[in-house]
mmCIF file of all heavy atoms, coordinates in Angstrom:
data_MODEL
# 
_entry.id   MODEL 
# 
loop_
_atom_site.group_PDB 
_atom_site.id 
_atom_site.type_symbol 
_atom_site.label_atom_id 
_atom_site.label_alt_id 
_atom_site.label_comp_id 
_atom_site.label_asym_id 
_atom_site.label_entity_id 
_atom_site.label_seq_id 
_atom_site.pdbx_PDB_ins_code 
_atom_site.Cartn_x 
_atom_site.Cartn_y 
_atom_site.Cartn_z 
_atom_site.occupancy 
_atom_site.B_iso_or_equiv 
_atom_site.pdbx_formal_charge 
_atom_site.auth_seq_id 
_atom_site.auth_comp_id 
_atom_site.auth_asym_id 
_atom_site.auth_atom_id 
_atom_site.pdbx_PDB_model_num 
ATOM 1   N N   . VAL A 1 1  ? -43.941 21.537  10.891  1.00 0.00 ? 1  VAL A N   1 
ATOM 2   C CA  . VAL A 1 1  ? -42.827 22.441  11.151  1.00 0.00 ? 1  VAL A CA  1 
ATOM 3   C C   . VAL A 1 1  ? -43.152 23.785  10.509  1.00 0.00 ? 1  VAL A C   1 
ATOM 4   O O   . VAL A 1 1  ? -44.132 23.912  9.758   1.00 0.00 ? 1  VAL A O   1 
ATOM 5   C CB  . VAL A 1 1  ? -41.486 21.880  10.619  1.00 0.00 ? 1  VAL A CB  1 
ATOM 6   C CG1 . VAL A 1 1  ? -41.088 20.616  11.357  1.00 0.00 ? 1  VAL A CG1 1 
ATOM 7   C CG2 . VAL A 1 1  ? -41.560 21.606  9.133   1.00 0.00 ? 1  VAL A CG2 1 
ATOM 8   N N   . LEU A 1 2  ? -42.342 24.786  10.775  1.00 0.00 ? 2  LEU A N   1 
ATOM 9   C CA  . LEU A 1 2  ? -42.604 26.137  10.289  1.00 0.00 ? 2  LEU A CA  1 
ATOM 10  C C   . LEU A 1 2  ? -42.743 26.196  8.769   1.00 0.00 ? 2  LEU A C   1 
ATOM 11  O O   . LEU A 1 2  ? -43.621 26.879  8.236   1.00 0.00 ? 2  LEU A O   1 
ATOM 12  C CB  . LEU A 1 2  ? -41.472 27.072  10.749  1.00 0.00 ? 2  LEU A CB  1 
ATOM 13  C CG  . LEU A 1 2  ? -41.636 28.534  10.386  1.00 0.00 ? 2  LEU A CG  1 
ATOM 14  C CD1 . LEU A 1 2  ? -42.879 29.106  11.042  1.00 0.00 ? 2  LEU A CD1 1 
ATOM 15  C CD2 . LEU A 1 2  ? -40.405 29.323  10.776  1.00 0.00 ? 2  LEU A CD2 1 
ATOM 16  N N   . GLU A 1 3  ? -41.895 25.444  8.050   1.00 0.00 ? 3  GLU A N   1 
ATOM 17  C CA  . GLU A 1 3  ? -41.901 25.495  6.592   1.00 0.00 ? 3  GLU A CA  1 
ATOM 18  C C   . GLU A 1 3  ? -42.982 24.634  5.952   1.00 0.00 ? 3  GLU A C   1 
ATOM 19  O O   . GLU A 1 3  ? -43.272 24.763  4.775   1.00 0.00 ? 3  GLU A O   1 
ATOM 20  C CB  . GLU A 1 3  ? -40.542 25.042  6.036   1.00 0.00 ? 3  GLU A CB  1 
ATOM 21  C CG  . GLU A 1 3  ? -39.386 25.940  6.407   1.00 0.00 ? 3  GLU A CG  1 
ATOM 22  C CD  . GLU A 1 3  ? -38.813 25.602  7.789   1.00 0.00 ? 3  GLU A CD  1 
ATOM 23  O OE1 . GLU A 1 3  ? -39.184 24.556  8.363   1.00 0.00 ? 3  GLU A OE1 1 
ATOM 24  O OE2 . GLU A 1 3  ? -38.017 26.401  8.285   1.00 0.00 ? 3  GLU A OE2 1 
ATOM 25  N N   . GLY A 1 4  ? -43.543 23.673  6.685   1.00 0.00 ? 4  GLY A N   1 
ATOM 26  C CA  . GLY A 1 4  ? -44.546 22.775  6.128   1.00 0.00 ? 4  GLY A CA  1 
ATOM 27  C C   . GLY A 1 4  ? -44.688 21.521  6.953   1.00 0.00 ? 4  GLY A C   1 
ATOM 28  O O   . GLY A 1 4  ? -44.868 21.581  8.173   1.00 0.00 ? 4  GLY A O   1 
ATOM 29  N N   . ILE A 1 5  ? -44.583 20.375  6.310   1.00 0.00 ? 5  ILE A N   1 
ATOM 30  C CA  . ILE A 1 5  ? -44.723 19.077  6.976   1.00 0.00 ? 5  ILE A CA  1 
ATOM 31  C C   . ILE A 1 5  ? -43.456 18.270  6.720   1.00 0.00 ? 5  ILE A C   1 
ATOM 32  O O   . ILE A 1 5  ? -43.065 18.054  5.575   1.00 0.00 ? 5  ILE A O   1 
ATOM 33  C CB  . ILE A 1 5  ? -45.955 18.319  6.463   1.00 0.00 ? 5  ILE A CB  1 
ATOM 34  C CG1 . ILE A 1 5  ? -47.216 19.129  6.776   1.00 0.00 ? 5  ILE A CG1 1 
ATOM 35  C CG2 . ILE A 1 5  ? -46.035 16.932  7.065   1.00 0.00 ? 5  ILE A CG2 1 
ATOM 36  C CD1 . ILE A 1 5  ? -48.465 18.557  6.153   1.00 0.00 ? 5  ILE A CD1 1 
ATOM 37  N N   . LEU A 1 6  ? -42.827 17.816  7.807   1.00 0.00 ? 6  LEU A N   1 
ATOM 38  C CA  . LEU A 1 6  ? -41.618 17.001  7.717   1.00 0.00 ? 6  LEU A CA  1 
ATOM 39  C C   . LEU A 1 6  ? -42.012 15.543  7.905   1.00 0.00 ? 6  LEU A C   1 
ATOM 40  O O   . LEU A 1 6  ? -42.653 15.182  8.898   1.00 0.00 ? 6  LEU A O   1 
ATOM 41  C CB  . LEU A 1 6  ? -40.606 17.415  8.789   1.00 0.00 ? 6  LEU A CB  1 
ATOM 42  C CG  . LEU A 1 6  ? -39.313 16.608  8.839   1.00 0.00 ? 6  LEU A CG  1 
ATOM 43  C CD1 . LEU A 1 6  ? -38.525 16.781  7.544   1.00 0.00 ? 6  LEU A CD1 1 
ATOM 44  C CD2 . LEU A 1 6  ? -38.484 17.001  10.044  1.00 0.00 ? 6  LEU A CD2 1 
ATOM 45  N N   . VAL A 1 7  ? -41.639 14.714  6.935   1.00 0.00 ? 7  VAL A N   1 
ATOM 46  C CA  . VAL A 1 7  ? -41.938 13.276  6.997   1.00 0.00 ? 7  VAL A CA  1 
ATOM 47  C C   . VAL A 1 7  ? -40.617 12.530  7.054   1.00 0.00 ? 7  VAL A C   1 
ATOM 48  O O   . VAL A 1 7  ? -39.755 12.681  6.184   1.00 0.00 ? 7  VAL A O   1 
ATOM 49  C CB  . VAL A 1 7  ? -42.752 12.822  5.760   1.00 0.00 ? 7  VAL A CB  1 
ATOM 50  C CG1 . VAL A 1 7  ? -43.029 11.325  5.831   1.00 0.00 ? 7  VAL A CG1 1 
ATOM 51  C CG2 . VAL A 1 7  ? -44.037 13.605  5.640   1.00 0.00 ? 7  VAL A CG2 1 
ATOM 52  N N   . THR A 1 8  ? -40.428 11.726  8.094   1.00 0.00 ? 8  THR A N   1 
ATOM 53  C CA  . THR A 1 8  ? -39.252 10.866  8.220   1.00 0.00 ? 8  THR A CA  1 
ATOM 54  C C   . THR A 1 8  ? -39.743 9.452   8.460   1.00 0.00 ? 8  THR A C   1 
ATOM 55  O O   . THR A 1 8  ? -40.803 9.250   9.051   1.00 0.00 ? 8  THR A O   1 
ATOM 56  C CB  . THR A 1 8  ? -38.327 11.296  9.375   1.00 0.00 ? 8  THR A CB  1 
ATOM 57  O OG1 . THR A 1 8  ? -39.090 11.309  10.584  1.00 0.00 ? 8  THR A OG1 1 
ATOM 58  C CG2 . THR A 1 8  ? -37.737 12.666  9.136   1.00 0.00 ? 8  THR A CG2 1 
ATOM 59  N N   . GLY A 1 9  ? -38.983 8.485   8.009   1.00 0.00 ? 9  GLY A N   1 
ATOM 60  C CA  . GLY A 1 9  ? -39.411 7.119   8.238   1.00 0.00 ? 9  GLY A CA  1 
ATOM 61  C C   . GLY A 1 9  ? -38.563 6.106   7.512   1.00 0.00 ? 9  GLY A C   1 
ATOM 62  O O   . GLY A 1 9  ? -37.432 6.372   7.112   1.00 0.00 ? 9  GLY A O   1 
ATOM 63  N N   . SER A 1 10 ? -39.142 4.915   7.340   1.00 0.00 ? 10 SER A N   1 
ATOM 64  C CA  . SER A 1 10 ? -38.463 3.823   6.652   1.00 0.00 ? 10 SER A CA  1 
ATOM 65  C C   . SER A 1 10 ? -39.450 3.133   5.720   1.00 0.00 ? 10 SER A C   1 
ATOM 66  O O   . SER A 1 10 ? -40.661 3.179   5.936   1.00 0.00 ? 10 SER A O   1 
ATOM 67  C CB  . SER A 1 10 ? -37.900 2.818   7.657   1.00 0.00 ? 10 SER A CB  1 
ATOM 68  O OG  . SER A 1 10 ? -38.953 2.224   8.397   1.00 0.00 ? 10 SER A OG  1 
ATOM 69  N N   . ALA A 1 11 ? -38.903 2.515   4.694   1.00 0.00 ? 11 ALA A N   1 
ATOM 70  C CA  . ALA A 1 11 ? -39.723 1.771   3.736   1.00 0.00 ? 11 ALA A CA  1 
ATOM 71  C C   . ALA A 1 11 ? -39.048 0.446   3.434   1.00 0.00 ? 11 ALA A C   1 
ATOM 72  O O   . ALA A 1 11 ? -37.821 0.356   3.398   1.00 0.00 ? 11 ALA A O   1 
ATOM 73  C CB  . ALA A 1 11 ? -39.911 2.573   2.454   1.00 0.00 ? 11 ALA A CB  1 
ATOM 74  N N   . GLN A 1 12 ? -39.874 -0.575  3.218   1.00 0.00 ? 12 GLN A N   1 
ATOM 75  C CA  . GLN A 1 12 ? -39.390 -1.921  2.910   1.00 0.00 ? 12 GLN A CA  1 
ATOM 76  C C   . GLN A 1 12 ? -40.027 -2.402  1.621   1.00 0.00 ? 12 GLN A C   1 
ATOM 77  O O   . GLN A 1 12 ? -41.232 -2.220  1.419   1.00 0.00 ? 12 GLN A O   1 
ATOM 78  C CB  . GLN A 1 12 ? -39.798 -2.898  4.003   1.00 0.00 ? 12 GLN A CB  1 
ATOM 79  C CG  . GLN A 1 12 ? -38.812 -3.073  5.098   1.00 0.00 ? 12 GLN A CG  1 
ATOM 80  C CD  . GLN A 1 12 ? -39.289 -4.153  6.053   1.00 0.00 ? 12 GLN A CD  1 
ATOM 81  O OE1 . GLN A 1 12 ? -40.333 -4.012  6.667   1.00 0.00 ? 12 GLN A OE1 1 
ATOM 82  N NE2 . GLN A 1 12 ? -38.518 -5.222  6.161   1.00 0.00 ? 12 GLN A NE2 1 
ATOM 83  N N   . ALA A 1 13 ? -39.216 -3.025  0.767   1.00 0.00 ? 13 ALA A N   1 
ATOM 84  C CA  . ALA A 1 13 ? -39.725 -3.608  -0.477  1.00 0.00 ? 13 ALA A CA  1 
ATOM 85  C C   . ALA A 1 13 ? -38.766 -4.697  -0.936  1.00 0.00 ? 13 ALA A C   1 
ATOM 86  O O   . ALA A 1 13 ? -37.623 -4.768  -0.493  1.00 0.00 ? 13 ALA A O   1 
ATOM 87  C CB  . ALA A 1 13 ? -39.869 -2.540  -1.551  1.00 0.00 ? 13 ALA A CB  1 
ATOM 88  N N   . ARG A 1 14 ? -39.234 -5.525  -1.849  1.00 0.00 ? 14 ARG A N   1 
ATOM 89  C CA  . ARG A 1 14 ? -38.398 -6.597  -2.414  1.00 0.00 ? 14 ARG A CA  1 
ATOM 90  C C   . ARG A 1 14 ? -38.108 -6.267  -3.874  1.00 0.00 ? 14 ARG A C   1 
ATOM 91  O O   . ARG A 1 14 ? -39.016 -6.019  -4.662  1.00 0.00 ? 14 ARG A O   1 
ATOM 92  C CB  . ARG A 1 14 ? -39.102 -7.935  -2.325  1.00 0.00 ? 14 ARG A CB  1 
ATOM 93  C CG  . ARG A 1 14 ? -38.287 -9.050  -3.005  1.00 0.00 ? 14 ARG A CG  1 
ATOM 94  C CD  . ARG A 1 14 ? -38.818 -10.370 -2.670  1.00 0.00 ? 14 ARG A CD  1 
ATOM 95  N NE  . ARG A 1 14 ? -38.351 -10.642 -1.302  1.00 0.00 ? 14 ARG A NE  1 
ATOM 96  C CZ  . ARG A 1 14 ? -38.402 -11.814 -0.733  1.00 0.00 ? 14 ARG A CZ  1 
ATOM 97  N NH1 . ARG A 1 14 ? -38.909 -12.828 -1.351  1.00 0.00 ? 14 ARG A NH1 1 
ATOM 98  N NH2 . ARG A 1 14 ? -37.954 -11.996 0.487   1.00 0.00 ? 14 ARG A NH2 1 
ATOM 99  N N   . ALA A 1 15 ? -36.825 -6.278  -4.207  1.00 0.00 ? 15 ALA A N   1 
ATOM 100 C CA  . ALA A 1 15 ? -36.391 -6.025  -5.575  1.00 0.00 ? 15 ALA A CA  1 
ATOM 101 C C   . ALA A 1 15 ? -36.014 -7.360  -6.222  1.00 0.00 ? 15 ALA A C   1 
ATOM 102 O O   . ALA A 1 15 ? -35.536 -8.273  -5.547  1.00 0.00 ? 15 ALA A O   1 
ATOM 103 C CB  . ALA A 1 15 ? -35.198 -5.088  -5.594  1.00 0.00 ? 15 ALA A CB  1 
ATOM 104 N N   . THR A 1 16 ? -36.237 -7.459  -7.511  1.00 0.00 ? 16 THR A N   1 
ATOM 105 C CA  . THR A 1 16 ? -35.859 -8.653  -8.261  1.00 0.00 ? 16 THR A CA  1 
ATOM 106 C C   . THR A 1 16 ? -35.022 -8.235  -9.465  1.00 0.00 ? 16 THR A C   1 
ATOM 107 O O   . THR A 1 16 ? -35.165 -7.132  -9.978  1.00 0.00 ? 16 THR A O   1 
ATOM 108 C CB  . THR A 1 16 ? -37.087 -9.442  -8.748  1.00 0.00 ? 16 THR A CB  1 
ATOM 109 O OG1 . THR A 1 16 ? -37.873 -8.605  -9.588  1.00 0.00 ? 16 THR A OG1 1 
ATOM 110 C CG2 . THR A 1 16 ? -37.921 -9.935  -7.584  1.00 0.00 ? 16 THR A CG2 1 
ATOM 111 N N   . GLY A 1 17 ? -34.148 -9.125  -9.875  1.00 0.00 ? 17 GLY A N   1 
ATOM 112 C CA  . GLY A 1 17 ? -33.306 -8.817  -11.024 1.00 0.00 ? 17 GLY A CA  1 
ATOM 113 C C   . GLY A 1 17 ? -32.436 -10.002 -11.368 1.00 0.00 ? 17 GLY A C   1 
ATOM 114 O O   . GLY A 1 17 ? -32.776 -11.148 -11.067 1.00 0.00 ? 17 GLY A O   1 
ATOM 115 N N   . GLU A 1 18 ? -31.290 -9.704  -11.979 1.00 0.00 ? 18 GLU A N   1 
ATOM 116 C CA  . GLU A 1 18 ? -30.362 -10.770 -12.332 1.00 0.00 ? 18 GLU A CA  1 
ATOM 117 C C   . GLU A 1 18 ? -28.934 -10.335 -12.038 1.00 0.00 ? 18 GLU A C   1 
ATOM 118 O O   . GLU A 1 18 ? -28.598 -9.152  -12.098 1.00 0.00 ? 18 GLU A O   1 
ATOM 119 C CB  . GLU A 1 18 ? -30.509 -11.192 -13.788 1.00 0.00 ? 18 GLU A CB  1 
ATOM 120 C CG  . GLU A 1 18 ? -30.255 -10.121 -14.798 1.00 0.00 ? 18 GLU A CG  1 
ATOM 121 C CD  . GLU A 1 18 ? -30.530 -10.588 -16.217 1.00 0.00 ? 18 GLU A CD  1 
ATOM 122 O OE1 . GLU A 1 18 ? -31.287 -11.546 -16.415 1.00 0.00 ? 18 GLU A OE1 1 
ATOM 123 O OE2 . GLU A 1 18 ? -29.965 -9.978  -17.130 1.00 0.00 ? 18 GLU A OE2 1 
ATOM 124 N N   . CYS A 1 19 ? -28.129 -11.309 -11.685 1.00 0.00 ? 19 CYS A N   1 
ATOM 125 C CA  . CYS A 1 19 ? -26.717 -11.082 -11.384 1.00 0.00 ? 19 CYS A CA  1 
ATOM 126 C C   . CYS A 1 19 ? -26.017 -10.592 -12.657 1.00 0.00 ? 19 CYS A C   1 
ATOM 127 O O   . CYS A 1 19 ? -26.204 -11.161 -13.728 1.00 0.00 ? 19 CYS A O   1 
ATOM 128 C CB  . CYS A 1 19 ? -26.084 -12.377 -10.892 1.00 0.00 ? 19 CYS A CB  1 
ATOM 129 S SG  . CYS A 1 19 ? -24.309 -12.274 -10.586 1.00 0.00 ? 19 CYS A SG  1 
ATOM 130 N N   . VAL A 1 20 ? -25.207 -9.547  -12.528 1.00 0.00 ? 20 VAL A N   1 
ATOM 131 C CA  . VAL A 1 20 ? -24.527 -9.004  -13.706 1.00 0.00 ? 20 VAL A CA  1 
ATOM 132 C C   . VAL A 1 20 ? -23.369 -9.877  -14.167 1.00 0.00 ? 20 VAL A C   1 
ATOM 133 O O   . VAL A 1 20 ? -22.885 -9.704  -15.283 1.00 0.00 ? 20 VAL A O   1 
ATOM 134 C CB  . VAL A 1 20 ? -24.031 -7.554  -13.467 1.00 0.00 ? 20 VAL A CB  1 
ATOM 135 C CG1 . VAL A 1 20 ? -25.198 -6.619  -13.259 1.00 0.00 ? 20 VAL A CG1 1 
ATOM 136 C CG2 . VAL A 1 20 ? -23.049 -7.476  -12.326 1.00 0.00 ? 20 VAL A CG2 1 
ATOM 137 N N   . ARG A 1 21 ? -22.926 -10.826 -13.358 1.00 0.00 ? 21 ARG A N   1 
ATOM 138 C CA  . ARG A 1 21 ? -21.818 -11.695 -13.750 1.00 0.00 ? 21 ARG A CA  1 
ATOM 139 C C   . ARG A 1 21 ? -22.286 -13.014 -14.340 1.00 0.00 ? 21 ARG A C   1 
ATOM 140 O O   . ARG A 1 21 ? -21.747 -13.486 -15.335 1.00 0.00 ? 21 ARG A O   1 
ATOM 141 C CB  . ARG A 1 21 ? -20.907 -11.976 -12.557 1.00 0.00 ? 21 ARG A CB  1 
ATOM 142 C CG  . ARG A 1 21 ? -20.130 -10.755 -12.121 1.00 0.00 ? 21 ARG A CG  1 
ATOM 143 C CD  . ARG A 1 21 ? -19.149 -11.102 -11.032 1.00 0.00 ? 21 ARG A CD  1 
ATOM 144 N NE  . ARG A 1 21 ? -18.526 -9.912  -10.480 1.00 0.00 ? 21 ARG A NE  1 
ATOM 145 C CZ  . ARG A 1 21 ? -17.957 -9.869  -9.303  1.00 0.00 ? 21 ARG A CZ  1 
ATOM 146 N NH1 . ARG A 1 21 ? -17.895 -10.949 -8.544  1.00 0.00 ? 21 ARG A NH1 1 
ATOM 147 N NH2 . ARG A 1 21 ? -17.428 -8.745  -8.870  1.00 0.00 ? 21 ARG A NH2 1 
ATOM 148 N N   . CYS A 1 22 ? -23.295 -13.653 -13.699 1.00 0.00 ? 22 CYS A N   1 
ATOM 149 C CA  . CYS A 1 22 ? -23.695 -14.991 -14.167 1.00 0.00 ? 22 CYS A CA  1 
ATOM 150 C C   . CYS A 1 22 ? -25.143 -15.053 -14.656 1.00 0.00 ? 22 CYS A C   1 
ATOM 151 O O   . CYS A 1 22 ? -25.595 -16.105 -15.075 1.00 0.00 ? 22 CYS A O   1 
ATOM 152 C CB  . CYS A 1 22 ? -23.483 -16.016 -13.060 1.00 0.00 ? 22 CYS A CB  1 
ATOM 153 S SG  . CYS A 1 22 ? -24.649 -15.859 -11.686 1.00 0.00 ? 22 CYS A SG  1 
ATOM 154 N N   . LEU A 1 23 ? -25.861 -13.953 -14.576 1.00 0.00 ? 23 LEU A N   1 
ATOM 155 C CA  . LEU A 1 23 ? -27.240 -13.836 -15.062 1.00 0.00 ? 23 LEU A CA  1 
ATOM 156 C C   . LEU A 1 23 ? -28.241 -14.685 -14.281 1.00 0.00 ? 23 LEU A C   1 
ATOM 157 O O   . LEU A 1 23 ? -29.353 -14.921 -14.760 1.00 0.00 ? 23 LEU A O   1 
ATOM 158 C CB  . LEU A 1 23 ? -27.323 -14.151 -16.558 1.00 0.00 ? 23 LEU A CB  1 
ATOM 159 C CG  . LEU A 1 23 ? -26.386 -13.347 -17.454 1.00 0.00 ? 23 LEU A CG  1 
ATOM 160 C CD1 . LEU A 1 23 ? -26.517 -13.795 -18.899 1.00 0.00 ? 23 LEU A CD1 1 
ATOM 161 C CD2 . LEU A 1 23 ? -26.649 -11.863 -17.324 1.00 0.00 ? 23 LEU A CD2 1 
ATOM 162 N N   . ALA A 1 24 ? -27.889 -15.115 -13.078 1.00 0.00 ? 24 ALA A N   1 
ATOM 163 C CA  . ALA A 1 24 ? -28.824 -15.854 -12.233 1.00 0.00 ? 24 ALA A CA  1 
ATOM 164 C C   . ALA A 1 24 ? -29.866 -14.898 -11.671 1.00 0.00 ? 24 ALA A C   1 
ATOM 165 O O   . ALA A 1 24 ? -29.585 -13.723 -11.428 1.00 0.00 ? 24 ALA A O   1 
ATOM 166 C CB  . ALA A 1 24 ? -28.077 -16.542 -11.086 1.00 0.00 ? 24 ALA A CB  1 
ATOM 167 N N   . ASP A 1 25 ? -31.083 -15.396 -11.466 1.00 0.00 ? 25 ASP A N   1 
ATOM 168 C CA  . ASP A 1 25 ? -32.137 -14.577 -10.864 1.00 0.00 ? 25 ASP A CA  1 
ATOM 169 C C   . ASP A 1 25 ? -31.783 -14.294 -9.411  1.00 0.00 ? 25 ASP A C   1 
ATOM 170 O O   . ASP A 1 25 ? -31.302 -15.185 -8.695  1.00 0.00 ? 25 ASP A O   1 
ATOM 171 C CB  . ASP A 1 25 ? -33.483 -15.296 -10.931 1.00 0.00 ? 25 ASP A CB  1 
ATOM 172 C CG  . ASP A 1 25 ? -34.003 -15.413 -12.355 1.00 0.00 ? 25 ASP A CG  1 
ATOM 173 O OD1 . ASP A 1 25 ? -33.592 -14.592 -13.193 1.00 0.00 ? 25 ASP A OD1 1 
ATOM 174 O OD2 . ASP A 1 25 ? -34.810 -16.315 -12.614 1.00 0.00 ? 25 ASP A OD2 1 
ATOM 175 N N   . ILE A 1 26 ? -32.042 -13.056 -8.977  1.00 0.00 ? 26 ILE A N   1 
ATOM 176 C CA  . ILE A 1 26 ? -31.778 -12.684 -7.591  1.00 0.00 ? 26 ILE A CA  1 
ATOM 177 C C   . ILE A 1 26 ? -32.958 -11.899 -7.031  1.00 0.00 ? 26 ILE A C   1 
ATOM 178 O O   . ILE A 1 26 ? -33.742 -11.302 -7.773  1.00 0.00 ? 26 ILE A O   1 
ATOM 179 C CB  . ILE A 1 26 ? -30.492 -11.847 -7.432  1.00 0.00 ? 26 ILE A CB  1 
ATOM 180 C CG1 . ILE A 1 26 ? -30.554 -10.582 -8.279  1.00 0.00 ? 26 ILE A CG1 1 
ATOM 181 C CG2 . ILE A 1 26 ? -29.271 -12.650 -7.775  1.00 0.00 ? 26 ILE A CG2 1 
ATOM 182 C CD1 . ILE A 1 26 ? -29.392 -9.634  -8.036  1.00 0.00 ? 26 ILE A CD1 1 
# 
């Protein structure tokens, strides 16, 4: 584009953590 390079798209990833109420792995 006139100002530079426009990048649009989508990304996929898997997040891991724990439930804030019961501390179960999610």
